[in-house]
Amino acid sequence: MIGLKNSVSAFFIAVLASIGISWSSTGLGWFLSAWTGDVRIAGALTAPIIMPFFLFGGLYQYDSSTPIYFVPVKYISWIRYGFDMLMINEFEGLELECDQELLL
């Protein structure tokens, strides 16, 4: 309906990737609440801890523009691995055709 790969296996892989990302994020939330012991402190710590994973996980910027001191963050980011899994699932085997007048 929205132009994604039209196969049952691609659908279930995308669902499993989304569930994995969701469970990983939930696990971090549980860890922070158990570690701090207070809901307000855990809520205040969540944003600063999770933001580098979003920023350097490959969703918002290219790998080449990542500063060298943030490179290790992208390798421990579960968001990056889930995003990579979704992109491989969607674009593997895709062949694009372009008319000659559309080329620069």
PDB file of N, CA and C in Angstrom:
ATOM      1  N   MET A   1       0.810  -1.198   0.000  1.00  0.00           N
ATOM      2  CA  MET A   1       0.000   0.000   0.000  1.00  0.00           C
ATOM      3  C   MET A   1       0.854   1.262   0.000  1.00  0.00           C
ATOM      4  N   ILE A   2       2.009   1.212   0.640  1.00  0.00           N
ATOM      5  CA  ILE A   2       2.828   2.421   0.685  1.00  0.00           C
ATOM      6  C   ILE A   2       4.089   2.277  -0.143  1.00  0.00           C
ATOM      7  N   GLY A   3       4.192   1.241  -0.943  1.00  0.00           N
ATOM      8  CA  GLY A   3       5.312   1.087  -1.848  1.00  0.00           C
ATOM      9  C   GLY A   3       6.475   0.274  -1.316  1.00  0.00           C
ATOM     10  N   LEU A   4       6.302  -0.416  -0.211  1.00  0.00           N
ATOM     11  CA  LEU A   4       7.371  -1.259   0.293  1.00  0.00           C
ATOM     12  C   LEU A   4       7.401  -2.570  -0.478  1.00  0.00           C
ATOM     13  N   LYS A   5       8.442  -3.347  -0.249  1.00  0.00           N
ATOM     14  CA  LYS A   5       8.582  -4.621  -0.934  1.00  0.00           C
ATOM     15  C   LYS A   5       7.356  -5.481  -0.671  1.00  0.00           C
ATOM     16  N   ASN A   6       6.838  -6.060  -1.737  1.00  0.00           N
ATOM     17  CA  ASN A   6       5.572  -6.776  -1.673  1.00  0.00           C
ATOM     18  C   ASN A   6       5.812  -8.279  -1.571  1.00  0.00           C
ATOM     19  N   SER A   7       6.239  -8.726  -0.386  1.00  0.00           N
ATOM     20  CA  SER A   7       6.376 -10.157  -0.149  1.00  0.00           C
ATOM     21  C   SER A   7       6.121 -10.435   1.333  1.00  0.00           C
ATOM     22  N   VAL A   8       5.687 -11.643   1.592  1.00  0.00           N
ATOM     23  CA  VAL A   8       5.351 -12.023   2.958  1.00  0.00           C
ATOM     24  C   VAL A   8       6.608 -12.070   3.819  1.00  0.00           C
ATOM     25  N   SER A   9       7.692 -12.619   3.261  1.00  0.00           N
ATOM     26  CA  SER A   9       8.924 -12.722   4.054  1.00  0.00           C
ATOM     27  C   SER A   9       9.478 -11.336   4.398  1.00  0.00           C
ATOM     28  N   ALA A  10       9.420 -10.376   3.457  1.00  0.00           N
ATOM     29  CA  ALA A  10       9.896  -9.024   3.741  1.00  0.00           C
ATOM     30  C   ALA A  10       9.043  -8.368   4.826  1.00  0.00           C
ATOM     31  N   PHE A  11       7.752  -8.627   4.801  1.00  0.00           N
ATOM     32  CA  PHE A  11       6.869  -8.075   5.820  1.00  0.00           C
ATOM     33  C   PHE A  11       7.238  -8.596   7.208  1.00  0.00           C
ATOM     34  N   PHE A  12       7.418  -9.921   7.322  1.00  0.00           N
ATOM     35  CA  PHE A  12       7.712 -10.492   8.629  1.00  0.00           C
ATOM     36  C   PHE A  12       9.108 -10.106   9.126  1.00  0.00           C
ATOM     37  N   ILE A  13      10.070  -9.946   8.218  1.00  0.00           N
ATOM     38  CA  ILE A  13      11.397  -9.480   8.622  1.00  0.00           C
ATOM     39  C   ILE A  13      11.305  -8.049   9.141  1.00  0.00           C
ATOM     40  N   ALA A  14      10.521  -7.199   8.470  1.00  0.00           N
ATOM     41  CA  ALA A  14      10.345  -5.819   8.940  1.00  0.00           C
ATOM     42  C   ALA A  14       9.651  -5.782  10.302  1.00  0.00           C
ATOM     43  N   VAL A  15       8.670  -6.636  10.493  1.00  0.00           N
ATOM     44  CA  VAL A  15       7.983  -6.699  11.789  1.00  0.00           C
ATOM     45  C   VAL A  15       8.951  -7.160  12.881  1.00  0.00           C
ATOM     46  N   LEU A  16       9.741  -8.193  12.593  1.00  0.00           N
ATOM     47  CA  LEU A  16      10.699  -8.686  13.585  1.00  0.00           C
ATOM     48  C   LEU A  16      11.775  -7.641  13.896  1.00  0.00           C
ATOM     49  N   ALA A  17      12.231  -6.899  12.892  1.00  0.00           N
ATOM     50  CA  ALA A  17      13.211  -5.840  13.136  1.00  0.00           C
ATOM     51  C   ALA A  17      12.611  -4.751  14.014  1.00  0.00           C
ATOM     52  N   SER A  18      11.383  -4.381  13.747  1.00  0.00           N
ATOM     53  CA  SER A  18      10.715  -3.354  14.556  1.00  0.00           C
ATOM     54  C   SER A  18      10.499  -3.820  15.989  1.00  0.00           C
ATOM     55  N   ILE A  19      10.130  -5.076  16.157  1.00  0.00           N
ATOM     56  CA  ILE A  19       9.956  -5.619  17.499  1.00  0.00           C
ATOM     57  C   ILE A  19      11.293  -5.649  18.232  1.00  0.00           C
ATOM     58  N   GLY A  20      12.360  -6.015  17.544  1.00  0.00           N
ATOM     59  CA  GLY A  20      13.681  -6.050  18.164  1.00  0.00           C
ATOM     60  C   GLY A  20      14.141  -4.675  18.621  1.00  0.00           C
ATOM     61  N   ILE A  21      13.919  -3.662  17.794  1.00  0.00           N
ATOM     62  CA  ILE A  21      14.273  -2.291  18.180  1.00  0.00           C
ATOM     63  C   ILE A  21      13.443  -1.859  19.388  1.00  0.00           C
ATOM     64  N   SER A  22      12.166  -2.183  19.368  1.00  0.00           N
ATOM     65  CA  SER A  22      11.274  -1.814  20.468  1.00  0.00           C
ATOM     66  C   SER A  22      11.689  -2.493  21.767  1.00  0.00           C
ATOM     67  N   TRP A  23      11.983  -3.780  21.712  1.00  0.00           N
ATOM     68  CA  TRP A  23      12.391  -4.510  22.915  1.00  0.00           C
ATOM     69  C   TRP A  23      13.721  -3.988  23.456  1.00  0.00           C
ATOM     70  N   SER A  24      14.635  -3.650  22.568  1.00  0.00           N
ATOM     71  CA  SER A  24      15.925  -3.114  23.018  1.00  0.00           C
ATOM     72  C   SER A  24      15.746  -1.779  23.723  1.00  0.00           C
ATOM     73  N   SER A  25      14.898  -0.931  23.168  1.00  0.00           N
ATOM     74  CA  SER A  25      14.633   0.366  23.802  1.00  0.00           C
ATOM     75  C   SER A  25      13.942   0.179  25.150  1.00  0.00           C
ATOM     76  N   THR A  26      13.012  -0.743  25.210  1.00  0.00           N
ATOM     77  CA  THR A  26      12.327  -1.030  26.465  1.00  0.00           C
ATOM     78  C   THR A  26      13.296  -1.578  27.501  1.00  0.00           C
ATOM     79  N   GLY A  27      14.211  -2.419  27.059  1.00  0.00           N
ATOM     80  CA  GLY A  27      15.216  -2.961  27.968  1.00  0.00           C
ATOM     81  C   GLY A  27      16.099  -1.874  28.560  1.00  0.00           C
ATOM     82  N   LEU A  28      16.463  -0.877  27.748  1.00  0.00           N
ATOM     83  CA  LEU A  28      17.240   0.240  28.279  1.00  0.00           C
ATOM     84  C   LEU A  28      16.431   1.014  29.316  1.00  0.00           C
ATOM     85  N   GLY A  29      15.157   1.208  29.055  1.00  0.00           N
ATOM     86  CA  GLY A  29      14.291   1.886  30.018  1.00  0.00           C
ATOM     87  C   GLY A  29      14.185   1.123  31.328  1.00  0.00           C
ATOM     88  N   TRP A  30      14.045  -0.189  31.252  1.00  0.00           N
ATOM     89  CA  TRP A  30      13.991  -1.012  32.463  1.00  0.00           C
ATOM     90  C   TRP A  30      15.306  -0.943  33.228  1.00  0.00           C
ATOM     91  N   PHE A  31      16.411  -0.996  32.491  1.00  0.00           N
ATOM     92  CA  PHE A  31      17.720  -0.920  33.138  1.00  0.00           C
ATOM     93  C   PHE A  31      17.884   0.407  33.880  1.00  0.00           C
ATOM     94  N   LEU A  32      17.525   1.502  33.215  1.00  0.00           N
ATOM     95  CA  LEU A  32      17.683   2.809  33.858  1.00  0.00           C
ATOM     96  C   LEU A  32      16.774   2.949  35.076  1.00  0.00           C
ATOM     97  N   SER A  33      15.538   2.434  34.986  1.00  0.00           N
ATOM     98  CA  SER A  33      14.669   2.543  36.162  1.00  0.00           C
ATOM     99  C   SER A  33      15.149   1.680  37.305  1.00  0.00           C
ATOM    100  N   ALA A  34      15.684   0.513  37.014  1.00  0.00           N
ATOM    101  CA  ALA A  34      16.200  -0.336  38.088  1.00  0.00           C
ATOM    102  C   ALA A  34      17.484   0.247  38.671  1.00  0.00           C
ATOM    103  N   TRP A  35      18.296   0.858  37.846  1.00  0.00           N
ATOM    104  CA  TRP A  35      19.577   1.407  38.288  1.00  0.00           C
ATOM    105  C   TRP A  35      19.390   2.640  39.165  1.00  0.00           C
ATOM    106  N   THR A  36      18.453   3.513  38.766  1.00  0.00           N
ATOM    107  CA  THR A  36      18.272   4.755  39.513  1.00  0.00           C
ATOM    108  C   THR A  36      17.313   4.579  40.685  1.00  0.00           C
ATOM    109  N   GLY A  37      16.300   3.734  40.529  1.00  0.00           N
ATOM    110  CA  GLY A  37      15.340   3.527  41.603  1.00  0.00           C
ATOM    111  C   GLY A  37      14.264   4.587  41.693  1.00  0.00           C
ATOM    112  N   ASP A  38      14.301   5.589  40.823  1.00  0.00           N
ATOM    113  CA  ASP A  38      13.308   6.659  40.852  1.00  0.00           C
ATOM    114  C   ASP A  38      12.858   6.945  39.419  1.00  0.00           C
ATOM    115  N   VAL A  39      11.558   7.028  39.215  1.00  0.00           N
ATOM    116  CA  VAL A  39      11.013   7.225  37.879  1.00  0.00           C
ATOM    117  C   VAL A  39      11.421   8.578  37.300  1.00  0.00           C
ATOM    118  N   ARG A  40      11.435   9.599  38.128  1.00  0.00           N
ATOM    119  CA  ARG A  40      11.796  10.933  37.632  1.00  0.00           C
ATOM    120  C   ARG A  40      13.254  11.004  37.201  1.00  0.00           C
ATOM    121  N   ILE A  41      14.125  10.397  37.964  1.00  0.00           N
ATOM    122  CA  ILE A  41      15.543  10.399  37.593  1.00  0.00           C
ATOM    123  C   ILE A  41      15.766   9.561  36.335  1.00  0.00           C
ATOM    124  N   ALA A  42      15.095   8.433  36.239  1.00  0.00           N
ATOM    125  CA  ALA A  42      15.218   7.590  35.051  1.00  0.00           C
ATOM    126  C   ALA A  42      14.714   8.326  33.821  1.00  0.00           C
ATOM    127  N   GLY A  43      13.619   9.046  33.953  1.00  0.00           N
ATOM    128  CA  GLY A  43      13.102   9.830  32.827  1.00  0.00           C
ATOM    129  C   GLY A  43      14.042  10.943  32.414  1.00  0.00           C
ATOM    130  N   ALA A  44      14.706  11.540  33.396  1.00  0.00           N
ATOM    131  CA  ALA A  44      15.649  12.613  33.084  1.00  0.00           C
ATOM    132  C   ALA A  44      16.923  12.073  32.442  1.00  0.00           C
ATOM    133  N   LEU A  45      17.321  10.855  32.777  1.00  0.00           N
ATOM    134  CA  LEU A  45      18.532  10.267  32.209  1.00  0.00           C
ATOM    135  C   LEU A  45      18.325   9.641  30.836  1.00  0.00           C
ATOM    136  N   THR A  46      17.101   9.277  30.530  1.00  0.00           N
ATOM    137  CA  THR A  46      16.833   8.558  29.291  1.00  0.00           C
ATOM    138  C   THR A  46      17.182   9.375  28.055  1.00  0.00           C
ATOM    139  N   ALA A  47      16.751  10.609  27.985  1.00  0.00           N
ATOM    140  CA  ALA A  47      16.998  11.423  26.789  1.00  0.00           C
ATOM    141  C   ALA A  47      18.482  11.646  26.516  1.00  0.00           C
ATOM    142  N   PRO A  48      19.295  12.066  27.496  1.00  0.00           N
ATOM    143  CA  PRO A  48      20.717  12.243  27.190  1.00  0.00           C
ATOM    144  C   PRO A  48      21.443  10.952  26.835  1.00  0.00           C
ATOM    145  N   ILE A  49      20.968   9.823  27.369  1.00  0.00           N
ATOM    146  CA  ILE A  49      21.634   8.556  27.054  1.00  0.00           C
ATOM    147  C   ILE A  49      21.232   8.056  25.671  1.00  0.00           C
ATOM    148  N   ILE A  50      19.964   8.185  25.309  1.00  0.00           N
ATOM    149  CA  ILE A  50      19.493   7.614  24.055  1.00  0.00           C
ATOM    150  C   ILE A  50      19.756   8.530  22.841  1.00  0.00           C
ATOM    151  N   MET A  51      19.934   9.826  23.054  1.00  0.00           N
ATOM    152  CA  MET A  51      20.110  10.755  21.941  1.00  0.00           C
ATOM    153  C   MET A  51      21.341  10.458  21.085  1.00  0.00           C
ATOM    154  N   PRO A  52      22.505  10.138  21.653  1.00  0.00           N
ATOM    155  CA  PRO A  52      23.640   9.796  20.777  1.00  0.00           C
ATOM    156  C   PRO A  52      23.373   8.568  19.911  1.00  0.00           C
ATOM    157  N   PHE A  53      22.593   7.619  20.426  1.00  0.00           N
ATOM    158  CA  PHE A  53      22.266   6.447  19.620  1.00  0.00           C
ATOM    159  C   PHE A  53      21.403   6.835  18.425  1.00  0.00           C
ATOM    160  N   PHE A  54      20.491   7.767  18.617  1.00  0.00           N
ATOM    161  CA  PHE A  54      19.686   8.260  17.501  1.00  0.00           C
ATOM    162  C   PHE A  54      20.532   9.048  16.516  1.00  0.00           C
ATOM    163  N   LEU A  55      21.340   9.959  17.033  1.00  0.00           N
ATOM    164  CA  LEU A  55      22.101  10.855  16.163  1.00  0.00           C
ATOM    165  C   LEU A  55      23.159  10.127  15.349  1.00  0.00           C
ATOM    166  N   PHE A  56      23.867   9.196  15.963  1.00  0.00           N
ATOM    167  CA  PHE A  56      24.975   8.541  15.283  1.00  0.00           C
ATOM    168  C   PHE A  56      24.652   7.116  14.871  1.00  0.00           C
ATOM    169  N   GLY A  57      23.388   6.746  14.901  1.00  0.00           N
ATOM    170  CA  GLY A  57      22.976   5.415  14.482  1.00  0.00           C
ATOM    171  C   GLY A  57      22.765   5.279  12.992  1.00  0.00           C
ATOM    172  N   GLY A  58      22.995   6.318  12.219  1.00  0.00           N
ATOM    173  CA  GLY A  58      22.858   6.245  10.780  1.00  0.00           C
ATOM    174  C   GLY A  58      21.535   6.755  10.251  1.00  0.00           C
ATOM    175  N   LEU A  59      20.642   7.126  11.128  1.00  0.00           N
ATOM    176  CA  LEU A  59      19.329   7.590  10.705  1.00  0.00           C
ATOM    177  C   LEU A  59      19.365   9.045  10.245  1.00  0.00           C
ATOM    178  N   TYR A  60      20.155   9.871  10.898  1.00  0.00           N
ATOM    179  CA  TYR A  60      20.125  11.302  10.649  1.00  0.00           C
ATOM    180  C   TYR A  60      21.361  11.852   9.959  1.00  0.00           C
ATOM    181  N   GLN A  61      22.441  11.106   9.910  1.00  0.00           N
ATOM    182  CA  GLN A  61      23.634  11.604   9.241  1.00  0.00           C
ATOM    183  C   GLN A  61      24.431  10.442   8.680  1.00  0.00           C
ATOM    184  N   TYR A  62      25.259  10.768   7.684  1.00  0.00           N
ATOM    185  CA  TYR A  62      26.092   9.762   7.037  1.00  0.00           C
ATOM    186  C   TYR A  62      27.255   9.375   7.936  1.00  0.00           C
ATOM    187  N   ASP A  63      27.789   8.200   7.700  1.00  0.00           N
ATOM    188  CA  ASP A  63      28.941   7.748   8.467  1.00  0.00           C
ATOM    189  C   ASP A  63      30.148   8.655   8.263  1.00  0.00           C
ATOM    190  N   SER A  64      30.304   9.185   7.056  1.00  0.00           N
ATOM    191  CA  SER A  64      31.475  10.011   6.760  1.00  0.00           C
ATOM    192  C   SER A  64      31.446  11.345   7.510  1.00  0.00           C
ATOM    193  N   SER A  65      30.277  11.796   7.930  1.00  0.00           N
ATOM    194  CA  SER A  65      30.201  13.065   8.648  1.00  0.00           C
ATOM    195  C   SER A  65      30.210  12.896  10.166  1.00  0.00           C
ATOM    196  N   THR A  66      30.330  11.653  10.629  1.00  0.00           N
ATOM    197  CA  THR A  66      30.395  11.399  12.072  1.00  0.00           C
ATOM    198  C   THR A  66      31.786  11.760  12.590  1.00  0.00           C
ATOM    199  N   PRO A  67      31.884  12.587  13.622  1.00  0.00           N
ATOM    200  CA  PRO A  67      33.196  12.886  14.204  1.00  0.00           C
ATOM    201  C   PRO A  67      33.873  11.611  14.712  1.00  0.00           C
ATOM    202  N   ILE A  68      35.179  11.584  14.614  1.00  0.00           N
ATOM    203  CA  ILE A  68      35.943  10.379  14.931  1.00  0.00           C
ATOM    204  C   ILE A  68      35.743   9.918  16.372  1.00  0.00           C
ATOM    205  N   TYR A  69      35.494  10.851  17.280  1.00  0.00           N
ATOM    206  CA  TYR A  69      35.326  10.459  18.680  1.00  0.00           C
ATOM    207  C   TYR A  69      33.940   9.884  18.965  1.00  0.00           C
ATOM    208  N   PHE A  70      33.004   9.966  18.002  1.00  0.00           N
ATOM    209  CA  PHE A  70      31.681   9.357  18.171  1.00  0.00           C
ATOM    210  C   PHE A  70      31.528   8.060  17.381  1.00  0.00           C
ATOM    211  N   VAL A  71      32.571   7.613  16.715  1.00  0.00           N
ATOM    212  CA  VAL A  71      32.496   6.389  15.918  1.00  0.00           C
ATOM    213  C   VAL A  71      32.131   5.174  16.768  1.00  0.00           C
ATOM    214  N   PRO A  72      32.667   5.002  17.987  1.00  0.00           N
ATOM    215  CA  PRO A  72      32.260   3.825  18.772  1.00  0.00           C
ATOM    216  C   PRO A  72      30.770   3.791  19.116  1.00  0.00           C
ATOM    217  N   VAL A  73      30.123   4.943  19.188  1.00  0.00           N
ATOM    218  CA  VAL A  73      28.693   4.978  19.526  1.00  0.00           C
ATOM    219  C   VAL A  73      27.871   4.286  18.451  1.00  0.00           C
ATOM    220  N   LYS A  74      28.265   4.449  17.185  1.00  0.00           N
ATOM    221  CA  LYS A  74      27.464   3.845  16.124  1.00  0.00           C
ATOM    222  C   LYS A  74      27.546   2.322  16.129  1.00  0.00           C
ATOM    223  N   TYR A  75      28.619   1.766  16.699  1.00  0.00           N
ATOM    224  CA  TYR A  75      28.753   0.317  16.734  1.00  0.00           C
ATOM    225  C   TYR A  75      28.025  -0.324  17.910  1.00  0.00           C
ATOM    226  N   ILE A  76      27.636   0.437  18.904  1.00  0.00           N
ATOM    227  CA  ILE A  76      26.870  -0.123  20.016  1.00  0.00           C
ATOM    228  C   ILE A  76      25.401   0.306  19.957  1.00  0.00           C
ATOM    229  N   SER A  77      25.025   0.999  18.898  1.00  0.00           N
ATOM    230  CA  SER A  77      23.656   1.494  18.753  1.00  0.00           C
ATOM    231  C   SER A  77      22.746   0.404  18.189  1.00  0.00           C
ATOM    232  N   TRP A  78      21.777  -0.032  18.971  1.00  0.00           N
ATOM    233  CA  TRP A  78      20.798  -1.003  18.478  1.00  0.00           C
ATOM    234  C   TRP A  78      19.911  -0.370  17.414  1.00  0.00           C
ATOM    235  N   ILE A  79      19.782   0.927  17.429  1.00  0.00           N
ATOM    236  CA  ILE A  79      18.983   1.624  16.424  1.00  0.00           C
ATOM    237  C   ILE A  79      19.648   1.487  15.060  1.00  0.00           C
ATOM    238  N   ARG A  80      20.977   1.567  15.021  1.00  0.00           N
ATOM    239  CA  ARG A  80      21.707   1.414  13.771  1.00  0.00           C
ATOM    240  C   ARG A  80      21.509   0.016  13.194  1.00  0.00           C
ATOM    241  N   TYR A  81      21.628  -1.006  14.025  1.00  0.00           N
ATOM    242  CA  TYR A  81      21.485  -2.371  13.526  1.00  0.00           C
ATOM    243  C   TYR A  81      20.059  -2.646  13.046  1.00  0.00           C
ATOM    244  N   GLY A  82      19.078  -2.128  13.748  1.00  0.00           N
ATOM    245  CA  GLY A  82      17.698  -2.283  13.297  1.00  0.00           C
ATOM    246  C   GLY A  82      17.431  -1.536  12.008  1.00  0.00           C
ATOM    247  N   PHE A  83      17.976  -0.314  11.899  1.00  0.00           N
ATOM    248  CA  PHE A  83      17.831   0.480  10.675  1.00  0.00           C
ATOM    249  C   PHE A  83      18.512  -0.225   9.507  1.00  0.00           C
ATOM    250  N   ASP A  84      19.715  -0.750   9.720  1.00  0.00           N
ATOM    251  CA  ASP A  84      20.411  -1.487   8.663  1.00  0.00           C
ATOM    252  C   ASP A  84      19.610  -2.709   8.231  1.00  0.00           C
ATOM    253  N   MET A  85      19.031  -3.404   9.196  1.00  0.00           N
ATOM    254  CA  MET A  85      18.230  -4.583   8.869  1.00  0.00           C
ATOM    255  C   MET A  85      17.014  -4.214   8.028  1.00  0.00           C
ATOM    256  N   LEU A  86      16.362  -3.118   8.382  1.00  0.00           N
ATOM    257  CA  LEU A  86      15.200  -2.676   7.607  1.00  0.00           C
ATOM    258  C   LEU A  86      15.597  -2.225   6.197  1.00  0.00           C
ATOM    259  N   MET A  87      16.738  -1.542   6.071  1.00  0.00           N
ATOM    260  CA  MET A  87      17.173  -1.075   4.757  1.00  0.00           C
ATOM    261  C   MET A  87      17.597  -2.239   3.860  1.00  0.00           C
ATOM    262  N   ILE A  88      18.306  -3.213   4.421  1.00  0.00           N
ATOM    263  CA  ILE A  88      18.690  -4.388   3.633  1.00  0.00           C
ATOM    264  C   ILE A  88      17.451  -5.165   3.221  1.00  0.00           C
ATOM    265  N   ASN A  89      16.511  -5.308   4.128  1.00  0.00           N
ATOM    266  CA  ASN A  89      15.263  -6.011   3.823  1.00  0.00           C
ATOM    267  C   ASN A  89      14.524  -5.348   2.674  1.00  0.00           C
ATOM    268  N   GLU A  90      14.502  -4.040   2.665  1.00  0.00           N
ATOM    269  CA  GLU A  90      13.719  -3.322   1.654  1.00  0.00           C
ATOM    270  C   GLU A  90      14.442  -3.196   0.313  1.00  0.00           C
ATOM    271  N   PHE A  91      15.739  -2.934   0.325  1.00  0.00           N
ATOM    272  CA  PHE A  91      16.422  -2.567  -0.911  1.00  0.00           C
ATOM    273  C   PHE A  91      17.284  -3.663  -1.514  1.00  0.00           C
ATOM    274  N   GLU A  92      17.397  -4.806  -0.872  1.00  0.00           N
ATOM    275  CA  GLU A  92      18.189  -5.891  -1.444  1.00  0.00           C
ATOM    276  C   GLU A  92      17.501  -6.422  -2.704  1.00  0.00           C
ATOM    277  N   GLY A  93      18.254  -6.474  -3.789  1.00  0.00           N
ATOM    278  CA  GLY A  93      17.728  -6.967  -5.056  1.00  0.00           C
ATOM    279  C   GLY A  93      16.908  -5.965  -5.834  1.00  0.00           C
ATOM    280  N   LEU A  94      16.826  -4.739  -5.374  1.00  0.00           N
ATOM    281  CA  LEU A  94      16.042  -3.707  -6.059  1.00  0.00           C
ATOM    282  C   LEU A  94      16.813  -3.187  -7.257  1.00  0.00           C
ATOM    283  N   GLU A  95      16.163  -3.129  -8.387  1.00  0.00           N
ATOM    284  CA  GLU A  95      16.767  -2.569  -9.590  1.00  0.00           C
ATOM    285  C   GLU A  95      15.959  -1.352 -10.001  1.00  0.00           C
ATOM    286  N   LEU A  96      16.622  -0.218 -10.067  1.00  0.00           N
ATOM    287  CA  LEU A  96      15.961   1.028 -10.427  1.00  0.00           C
ATOM    288  C   LEU A  96      16.175   1.328 -11.900  1.00  0.00           C
ATOM    289  N   GLU A  97      15.146   1.821 -12.542  1.00  0.00           N
ATOM    290  CA  GLU A  97      15.244   2.214 -13.940  1.00  0.00           C
ATOM    291  C   GLU A  97      14.986   3.704 -14.034  1.00  0.00           C
ATOM    292  N   CYS A  98      15.773   4.363 -14.860  1.00  0.00           N
ATOM    293  CA  CYS A  98      15.661   5.801 -14.992  1.00  0.00           C
ATOM    294  C   CYS A  98      15.708   6.170 -16.470  1.00  0.00           C
ATOM    295  N   ASP A  99      14.794   7.009 -16.909  1.00  0.00           N
ATOM    296  CA  ASP A  99      14.792   7.460 -18.295  1.00  0.00           C
ATOM    297  C   ASP A  99      15.977   8.381 -18.553  1.00  0.00           C
ATOM    298  N   GLN A 100      16.419   8.436 -19.791  1.00  0.00           N
ATOM    299  CA  GLN A 100      17.604   9.231 -20.143  1.00  0.00           C
ATOM    300  C   GLN A 100      17.381  10.723 -19.889  1.00  0.00           C
ATOM    301  N   GLU A 101      16.169  11.234 -20.110  1.00  0.00           N
ATOM    302  CA  GLU A 101      15.916  12.677 -19.893  1.00  0.00           C
ATOM    303  C   GLU A 101      15.950  13.074 -18.430  1.00  0.00           C
ATOM    304  N   LEU A 102      15.833  12.100 -17.517  1.00  0.00           N
ATOM    305  CA  LEU A 102      15.898  12.408 -16.106  1.00  0.00           C
ATOM    306  C   LEU A 102      17.316  12.486 -15.572  1.00  0.00           C
ATOM    307  N   LEU A 103      18.283  11.969 -16.338  1.00  0.00           N
ATOM    308  CA  LEU A 103      19.676  12.000 -15.919  1.00  0.00           C
ATOM    309  C   LEU A 103      20.250  13.394 -16.120  1.00  0.00           C
ATOM    310  N   LEU A 104      21.163  13.798 -15.265  1.00  0.00           N
ATOM    311  CA  LEU A 104      21.816  15.108 -15.404  1.00  0.00           C
ATOM    312  C   LEU A 104      22.963  15.055 -16.363  1.00  0.00           C
TER     313      LEU A 104
END
